[in-house]
Amino acid sequence: MPGYLTTHVLDTARGGPAEGLRIELFRVEGDARMALTEMHTNADGRTDAPILPEGEFATGTYELVFHAGDYLRGLGLAGDFLDVIPLRFTMAEVDHYHVPLLLSPYGYSTYRGS
């Protein structure tokens, strides 16, 4: 099975996908963070392609950075509490990793999805 990384952002306050939310992906090695890509979510709250596709996948530590404040302010929702949400995680096996974000103006949750 090839390895790749996907994400999905759901706006739990509005009860639907979070469209237009900017996401950055970094590879983390020690104290260094290397920018790999930047994407925006589509109408379904997903990126149009895997955020880390098969051909670029490598095991290691990564950080997804969700720009929630910009998204929330753009909707006129309270965007002063959450701004940038960094999620650091390790992909230890060659597999499909799916890291969704459930977002509201005052909180968020995440998990390893399928």
Protein backbone atom coordinates (compact mmCIF):
# COMPACT_ATOMS: atom_id res chain seq x y z
CA MET A 1 0.00 0.00 0.00
CA PRO A 2 1.41 3.42 -0.90
CA GLY A 3 1.77 6.16 1.69
CA TYR A 4 0.04 9.52 1.44
CA LEU A 5 -1.56 12.19 3.65
CA THR A 6 -5.02 13.72 3.40
CA THR A 7 -7.03 16.11 5.56
CA HIS A 8 -10.60 17.32 5.88
CA VAL A 9 -11.83 20.39 7.77
CA LEU A 10 -15.37 20.47 9.10
CA ASP A 11 -16.91 23.63 10.52
CA THR A 12 -18.89 22.29 13.48
CA ALA A 13 -20.40 25.71 14.28
CA ARG A 14 -22.00 25.92 10.84
CA GLY A 15 -22.53 22.19 10.41
CA GLY A 16 -20.66 21.70 7.15
CA PRO A 17 -17.32 21.69 5.36
CA ALA A 18 -14.88 24.56 5.87
CA GLU A 19 -14.26 25.91 2.37
CA GLY A 20 -11.29 28.16 1.61
CA LEU A 21 -9.24 27.40 4.75
CA ARG A 22 -5.48 27.71 4.16
CA ILE A 23 -3.34 24.75 5.25
CA GLU A 24 0.45 24.47 5.29
CA LEU A 25 2.47 21.27 5.61
CA PHE A 26 5.95 21.12 7.16
CA ARG A 27 8.40 18.28 7.67
CA VAL A 28 10.01 18.45 11.11
CA GLU A 29 13.55 17.23 11.77
CA GLY A 30 14.88 18.13 15.21
CA ASP A 31 14.40 21.87 15.62
CA ALA A 32 14.07 22.48 11.88
CA ARG A 33 10.75 22.88 10.04
CA MET A 34 10.84 22.60 6.25
CA ALA A 35 7.87 23.96 4.30
CA LEU A 36 6.56 21.35 1.84
CA THR A 37 3.28 22.72 0.49
CA GLU A 38 0.37 25.07 1.00
CA MET A 39 -3.20 24.39 -0.08
CA HIS A 40 -6.75 25.62 0.49
CA THR A 41 -9.78 23.48 1.22
CA ASN A 42 -12.40 23.07 -1.48
CA ALA A 43 -16.21 23.15 -1.19
CA ASP A 44 -16.10 19.74 0.52
CA GLY A 45 -13.57 20.91 3.14
CA ARG A 46 -10.83 18.77 1.58
CA THR A 47 -7.80 19.60 -0.53
CA ASP A 48 -8.16 18.82 -4.24
CA ALA A 49 -5.24 16.39 -4.03
CA PRO A 50 -3.49 14.62 -1.15
CA ILE A 51 -1.58 17.18 0.87
CA LEU A 52 1.37 14.79 0.74
CA PRO A 53 1.02 12.55 -2.34
CA GLU A 54 2.40 9.04 -2.84
CA GLY A 55 5.48 10.14 -4.76
CA GLU A 56 6.56 12.54 -2.01
CA PHE A 57 5.65 10.44 1.03
CA ALA A 58 8.32 9.60 3.60
CA THR A 59 7.92 8.46 7.16
CA GLY A 60 8.79 11.00 9.83
CA THR A 61 7.39 13.88 11.82
CA TYR A 62 5.16 16.45 10.13
CA GLU A 63 3.15 19.51 11.07
CA LEU A 64 -0.11 20.58 9.49
CA VAL A 65 -0.83 24.26 10.15
CA PHE A 66 -4.47 25.29 9.79
CA HIS A 67 -5.12 29.04 9.41
CA ALA A 68 -8.41 28.97 11.30
CA GLY A 69 -8.47 32.64 12.32
CA ASP A 70 -8.45 33.88 8.74
CA TYR A 71 -11.22 31.45 7.86
CA LEU A 72 -13.39 32.36 10.86
CA ARG A 73 -12.92 36.12 10.43
CA GLY A 74 -13.81 35.77 6.74
CA LEU A 75 -17.18 34.35 7.77
CA GLY A 76 -17.77 37.07 10.35
CA LEU A 77 -17.45 34.53 13.16
CA ALA A 78 -15.45 35.15 16.31
CA GLY A 79 -11.93 34.75 14.99
CA ASP A 80 -10.06 36.28 17.90
CA PHE A 81 -9.63 33.16 20.03
CA LEU A 82 -8.25 30.59 17.57
CA ASP A 83 -5.80 31.83 15.01
CA VAL A 84 -3.23 29.31 13.78
CA ILE A 85 -3.64 25.65 14.74
CA PRO A 86 -0.46 23.56 14.41
CA LEU A 87 -0.86 19.77 14.54
CA ARG A 88 2.42 17.87 14.88
CA PHE A 89 2.30 14.11 14.34
CA THR A 90 4.47 11.20 13.25
CA MET A 91 3.85 8.94 10.29
CA ALA A 92 5.83 5.84 11.25
CA GLU A 93 4.60 3.46 8.54
CA VAL A 94 3.97 3.69 4.83
CA ASP A 95 0.19 4.00 4.91
CA HIS A 96 -2.70 6.36 4.22
CA TYR A 97 -2.80 8.95 6.99
CA HIS A 98 -5.95 11.06 7.23
CA VAL A 99 -5.83 13.92 9.76
CA PRO A 100 -9.15 15.77 9.93
CA LEU A 101 -9.87 18.95 11.88
CA LEU A 102 -13.25 19.64 13.49
CA LEU A 103 -13.37 23.40 13.98
CA SER A 104 -15.53 25.91 15.82
CA PRO A 105 -14.74 29.51 16.82
CA TYR A 106 -13.77 28.45 20.35
CA GLY A 107 -12.33 24.96 20.01
CA TYR A 108 -11.19 22.15 17.75
CA SER A 109 -10.47 18.45 17.76
CA THR A 110 -8.57 16.06 15.56
CA TYR A 111 -7.90 12.37 15.23
CA ARG A 112 -6.32 9.86 12.87
CA GLY A 113 -9.09 9.06 10.45
CA SER A 114 -9.41 6.58 7.65
